[in-house]
Amino acid sequence: VSSENRRYIPMGYESPETIITDSVQCIPNADLYTFGIITSNVHMAWMRVVCGRLKSDYRYSAKIVYNNFPWPEPTEQQKQKIEETAHGILDARALFPDSSLADLYDPLTMPVELRKAHTANDKAVMAAYGFSTKMTEADCVAELMKLYQKMQG
């Protein structure tokens, strides 16, 4: 569950010793490409439309959000770029070791370095879909819904 005020749901890596409980979601052995896609604004746009809610906050779920998400079919170069920009997000977070994910993703105080890293990642993911960076979020979701319909084909 994440605040409706956040542009991105904070996601990250945990050590194997971490016990996942309650409503936390886990993707075992997720690579940088997967991290880049699911932390992108494209995925967040999808999430905002299809996810459940707890009060007005987003409730991310594997069944509804992740499993139904239409992934891009990137070239190897596009995939490498997403991996690089995903790493950039992690690097930007590392600049603030005393800040929690909640602190870093506060919409009013999100560090400029982290915002820039996310913007670069968003552009890389949009390129993998062949989407224009000038698209509105509604246009992005409409295109994702077309891809989803093809998946159901």
C-alpha atoms as a PDB file:
ATOM      1  CA  VAL A   1       0.000   0.000   0.000  1.00  0.00           C
ATOM      2  CA  SER A   2       1.405   3.384  -0.948  1.00  0.00           C
ATOM      3  CA  SER A   3       0.213   6.976  -0.706  1.00  0.00           C
ATOM      4  CA  GLU A   4      -1.861   8.233  -3.601  1.00  0.00           C
ATOM      5  CA  ASN A   5       0.298  11.359  -3.507  1.00  0.00           C
ATOM      6  CA  ARG A   6       3.418   9.563  -4.732  1.00  0.00           C
ATOM      7  CA  ARG A   7       4.273   9.500  -8.428  1.00  0.00           C
ATOM      8  CA  TYR A   8       6.248   6.287  -7.908  1.00  0.00           C
ATOM      9  CA  ILE A   9       5.609   3.482  -5.450  1.00  0.00           C
ATOM     10  CA  PRO A  10       8.911   2.989  -3.620  1.00  0.00           C
ATOM     11  CA  MET A  11      10.356  -0.397  -4.546  1.00  0.00           C
ATOM     12  CA  GLY A  12      13.750  -1.830  -3.809  1.00  0.00           C
ATOM     13  CA  TYR A  13      15.970  -4.804  -3.179  1.00  0.00           C
ATOM     14  CA  GLU A  14      16.113  -6.750   0.069  1.00  0.00           C
ATOM     15  CA  SER A  15      18.613  -9.275   1.361  1.00  0.00           C
ATOM     16  CA  PRO A  16      17.744 -12.996   1.295  1.00  0.00           C
ATOM     17  CA  GLU A  17      17.447 -12.917   5.077  1.00  0.00           C
ATOM     18  CA  THR A  18      14.488 -10.522   4.922  1.00  0.00           C
ATOM     19  CA  ILE A  19      11.161 -12.134   5.756  1.00  0.00           C
ATOM     20  CA  ILE A  20       8.375 -10.838   3.539  1.00  0.00           C
ATOM     21  CA  THR A  21       5.136 -10.466   5.492  1.00  0.00           C
ATOM     22  CA  ASP A  22       1.716  -8.836   5.409  1.00  0.00           C
ATOM     23  CA  SER A  23       0.845  -7.206   2.085  1.00  0.00           C
ATOM     24  CA  VAL A  24       4.424  -6.774   0.866  1.00  0.00           C
ATOM     25  CA  GLN A  25       5.068  -8.092  -2.642  1.00  0.00           C
ATOM     26  CA  CYS A  26       8.283  -9.852  -3.644  1.00  0.00           C
ATOM     27  CA  ILE A  27       9.811 -10.713  -7.015  1.00  0.00           C
ATOM     28  CA  PRO A  28      12.527 -13.291  -6.309  1.00  0.00           C
ATOM     29  CA  ASN A  29      15.789 -12.648  -8.149  1.00  0.00           C
ATOM     30  CA  ALA A  30      14.504  -9.525  -9.918  1.00  0.00           C
ATOM     31  CA  ASP A  31      17.116  -8.060 -12.232  1.00  0.00           C
ATOM     32  CA  LEU A  32      17.791  -4.402 -13.024  1.00  0.00           C
ATOM     33  CA  TYR A  33      15.637  -4.554 -16.167  1.00  0.00           C
ATOM     34  CA  THR A  34      12.626  -5.718 -14.136  1.00  0.00           C
ATOM     35  CA  PHE A  35      13.313  -3.065 -11.502  1.00  0.00           C
ATOM     36  CA  GLY A  36      13.560  -0.392 -14.203  1.00  0.00           C
ATOM     37  CA  ILE A  37      10.255  -1.364 -15.765  1.00  0.00           C
ATOM     38  CA  ILE A  38       8.242  -1.647 -12.560  1.00  0.00           C
ATOM     39  CA  THR A  39       9.605   1.613 -11.141  1.00  0.00           C
ATOM     40  CA  SER A  40       8.838   3.483 -14.364  1.00  0.00           C
ATOM     41  CA  ASN A  41       6.052   5.961 -14.848  1.00  0.00           C
ATOM     42  CA  VAL A  42       4.645   3.647 -17.554  1.00  0.00           C
ATOM     43  CA  HIS A  43       4.134   0.906 -14.971  1.00  0.00           C
ATOM     44  CA  MET A  44       2.905   3.437 -12.407  1.00  0.00           C
ATOM     45  CA  ALA A  45       0.339   4.757 -14.919  1.00  0.00           C
ATOM     46  CA  TRP A  46      -0.920   1.190 -15.383  1.00  0.00           C
ATOM     47  CA  MET A  47      -0.954   0.668 -11.632  1.00  0.00           C
ATOM     48  CA  ARG A  48      -2.941   3.847 -10.983  1.00  0.00           C
ATOM     49  CA  VAL A  49      -5.693   2.625 -13.318  1.00  0.00           C
ATOM     50  CA  VAL A  50      -5.961  -1.066 -12.427  1.00  0.00           C
ATOM     51  CA  CYS A  51      -4.871  -1.373  -8.794  1.00  0.00           C
ATOM     52  CA  GLY A  52      -7.108  -1.776  -5.802  1.00  0.00           C
ATOM     53  CA  ARG A  53      -7.328   0.884  -3.147  1.00  0.00           C
ATOM     54  CA  LEU A  54      -7.081   1.039   0.611  1.00  0.00           C
ATOM     55  CA  LYS A  55      -9.037   4.178   1.401  1.00  0.00           C
ATOM     56  CA  SER A  56      -7.620   6.300  -1.425  1.00  0.00           C
ATOM     57  CA  ASP A  57      -4.074   4.878  -1.334  1.00  0.00           C
ATOM     58  CA  TYR A  58      -2.747   2.511  -3.989  1.00  0.00           C
ATOM     59  CA  ARG A  59      -2.823  -1.190  -3.178  1.00  0.00           C
ATOM     60  CA  TYR A  60      -0.377  -2.925  -5.497  1.00  0.00           C
ATOM     61  CA  SER A  61      -1.060  -6.590  -6.175  1.00  0.00           C
ATOM     62  CA  ALA A  62       0.629  -9.341  -8.132  1.00  0.00           C
ATOM     63  CA  LYS A  63      -2.615 -10.693  -9.607  1.00  0.00           C
ATOM     64  CA  ILE A  64      -4.139  -7.453 -10.801  1.00  0.00           C
ATOM     65  CA  VAL A  65      -1.235  -5.096 -11.457  1.00  0.00           C
ATOM     66  CA  TYR A  66       1.944  -7.100 -12.097  1.00  0.00           C
ATOM     67  CA  ASN A  67       0.598 -10.251 -13.781  1.00  0.00           C
ATOM     68  CA  ASN A  68      -1.609  -8.311 -16.204  1.00  0.00           C
ATOM     69  CA  PHE A  69       0.949  -5.673 -17.113  1.00  0.00           C
ATOM     70  CA  PRO A  70       1.917  -5.677 -20.815  1.00  0.00           C
ATOM     71  CA  TRP A  71       5.713  -5.679 -20.862  1.00  0.00           C
ATOM     72  CA  PRO A  72       7.635  -4.116 -23.751  1.00  0.00           C
ATOM     73  CA  GLU A  73       9.648  -6.105 -26.241  1.00  0.00           C
ATOM     74  CA  PRO A  74      12.862  -4.080 -26.196  1.00  0.00           C
ATOM     75  CA  THR A  75      15.896  -4.412 -28.356  1.00  0.00           C
ATOM     76  CA  GLU A  76      19.051  -5.488 -26.534  1.00  0.00           C
ATOM     77  CA  GLN A  77      20.259  -1.877 -26.622  1.00  0.00           C
ATOM     78  CA  GLN A  78      16.968  -0.630 -25.113  1.00  0.00           C
ATOM     79  CA  LYS A  79      17.130  -3.291 -22.403  1.00  0.00           C
ATOM     80  CA  GLN A  80      20.697  -2.255 -21.539  1.00  0.00           C
ATOM     81  CA  LYS A  81      19.619   1.392 -21.349  1.00  0.00           C
ATOM     82  CA  ILE A  82      16.802   0.474 -18.921  1.00  0.00           C
ATOM     83  CA  GLU A  83      19.291  -1.484 -16.805  1.00  0.00           C
ATOM     84  CA  GLU A  84      21.594   1.576 -16.753  1.00  0.00           C
ATOM     85  CA  THR A  85      18.813   3.979 -15.775  1.00  0.00           C
ATOM     86  CA  ALA A  86      17.509   1.549 -13.144  1.00  0.00           C
ATOM     87  CA  HIS A  87      20.996   1.455 -11.663  1.00  0.00           C
ATOM     88  CA  GLY A  88      20.925   5.247 -11.754  1.00  0.00           C
ATOM     89  CA  ILE A  89      17.842   5.211  -9.499  1.00  0.00           C
ATOM     90  CA  LEU A  90      19.640   3.006  -7.004  1.00  0.00           C
ATOM     91  CA  ASP A  91      22.740   5.226  -7.196  1.00  0.00           C
ATOM     92  CA  ALA A  92      20.632   8.335  -6.559  1.00  0.00           C
ATOM     93  CA  ARG A  93      19.031   6.695  -3.530  1.00  0.00           C
ATOM     94  CA  ALA A  94      22.478   5.760  -2.203  1.00  0.00           C
ATOM     95  CA  LEU A  95      23.349   9.470  -2.031  1.00  0.00           C
ATOM     96  CA  PHE A  96      20.927   9.690   0.900  1.00  0.00           C
ATOM     97  CA  PRO A  97      21.846   6.780   3.197  1.00  0.00           C
ATOM     98  CA  ASP A  98      20.029   8.240   6.188  1.00  0.00           C
ATOM     99  CA  SER A  99      16.727   8.606   4.304  1.00  0.00           C
ATOM    100  CA  SER A 100      14.039   5.947   4.176  1.00  0.00           C
ATOM    101  CA  LEU A 101      12.167   5.161   0.951  1.00  0.00           C
ATOM    102  CA  ALA A 102       9.221   7.040   2.459  1.00  0.00           C
ATOM    103  CA  ASP A 103      11.465  10.091   2.891  1.00  0.00           C
ATOM    104  CA  LEU A 104      12.939   9.822  -0.594  1.00  0.00           C
ATOM    105  CA  TYR A 105       9.548   9.455  -2.292  1.00  0.00           C
ATOM    106  CA  ASP A 106       7.771  12.235  -0.432  1.00  0.00           C
ATOM    107  CA  PRO A 107       6.305  14.242  -3.336  1.00  0.00           C
ATOM    108  CA  LEU A 108       7.246  17.544  -1.725  1.00  0.00           C
ATOM    109  CA  THR A 109      10.840  16.713  -0.796  1.00  0.00           C
ATOM    110  CA  MET A 110      11.964  14.094  -3.332  1.00  0.00           C
ATOM    111  CA  PRO A 111      15.655  14.814  -4.003  1.00  0.00           C
ATOM    112  CA  VAL A 112      16.416  16.363  -7.382  1.00  0.00           C
ATOM    113  CA  GLU A 113      18.982  13.627  -8.120  1.00  0.00           C
ATOM    114  CA  LEU A 114      16.362  10.912  -7.608  1.00  0.00           C
ATOM    115  CA  ARG A 115      13.750  12.748  -9.664  1.00  0.00           C
ATOM    116  CA  LYS A 116      16.279  13.114 -12.524  1.00  0.00           C
ATOM    117  CA  ALA A 117      17.162   9.410 -12.308  1.00  0.00           C
ATOM    118  CA  HIS A 118      13.492   8.474 -12.536  1.00  0.00           C
ATOM    119  CA  THR A 119      12.974  10.809 -15.481  1.00  0.00           C
ATOM    120  CA  ALA A 120      15.860   9.151 -17.341  1.00  0.00           C
ATOM    121  CA  ASN A 121      14.407   5.725 -16.558  1.00  0.00           C
ATOM    122  CA  ASP A 122      10.931   6.825 -17.692  1.00  0.00           C
ATOM    123  CA  LYS A 123      12.353   7.965 -21.030  1.00  0.00           C
ATOM    124  CA  ALA A 124      14.219   4.682 -21.518  1.00  0.00           C
ATOM    125  CA  VAL A 125      11.113   2.610 -20.757  1.00  0.00           C
ATOM    126  CA  MET A 126       8.923   4.723 -23.019  1.00  0.00           C
ATOM    127  CA  ALA A 127      11.442   4.227 -25.836  1.00  0.00           C
ATOM    128  CA  ALA A 128      11.222   0.452 -25.335  1.00  0.00           C
ATOM    129  CA  TYR A 129       7.482   0.676 -25.946  1.00  0.00           C
ATOM    130  CA  GLY A 130       7.885   3.072 -28.852  1.00  0.00           C
ATOM    131  CA  PHE A 131       5.936   5.707 -26.876  1.00  0.00           C
ATOM    132  CA  SER A 132       6.486   9.428 -27.305  1.00  0.00           C
ATOM    133  CA  THR A 133       7.716  11.270 -24.230  1.00  0.00           C
ATOM    134  CA  LYS A 134       5.063  13.863 -25.064  1.00  0.00           C
ATOM    135  CA  MET A 135       2.221  11.374 -24.425  1.00  0.00           C
ATOM    136  CA  THR A 136      -0.215  12.134 -21.652  1.00  0.00           C
ATOM    137  CA  GLU A 137      -0.691   9.527 -18.957  1.00  0.00           C
ATOM    138  CA  ALA A 138      -4.155   8.791 -20.379  1.00  0.00           C
ATOM    139  CA  ASP A 139      -2.619   8.159 -23.829  1.00  0.00           C
ATOM    140  CA  CYS A 140      -0.013   5.885 -22.259  1.00  0.00           C
ATOM    141  CA  VAL A 141      -2.671   3.856 -20.464  1.00  0.00           C
ATOM    142  CA  ALA A 142      -4.756   3.641 -23.656  1.00  0.00           C
ATOM    143  CA  GLU A 143      -1.760   2.164 -25.497  1.00  0.00           C
ATOM    144  CA  LEU A 144      -1.086  -0.253 -22.634  1.00  0.00           C
ATOM    145  CA  MET A 145      -4.731  -1.364 -22.743  1.00  0.00           C
ATOM    146  CA  LYS A 146      -4.358  -2.101 -26.471  1.00  0.00           C
ATOM    147  CA  LEU A 147      -1.303  -4.235 -25.683  1.00  0.00           C
ATOM    148  CA  TYR A 148      -3.227  -5.947 -22.873  1.00  0.00           C
ATOM    149  CA  GLN A 149      -6.068  -6.774 -25.279  1.00  0.00           C
ATOM    150  CA  LYS A 150      -3.535  -8.364 -27.665  1.00  0.00           C
ATOM    151  CA  MET A 151      -2.208 -10.446 -24.763  1.00  0.00           C
ATOM    152  CA  GLN A 152      -5.705 -11.784 -24.169  1.00  0.00           C
ATOM    153  CA  GLY A 153      -6.046 -12.479 -27.907  1.00  0.00           C
END
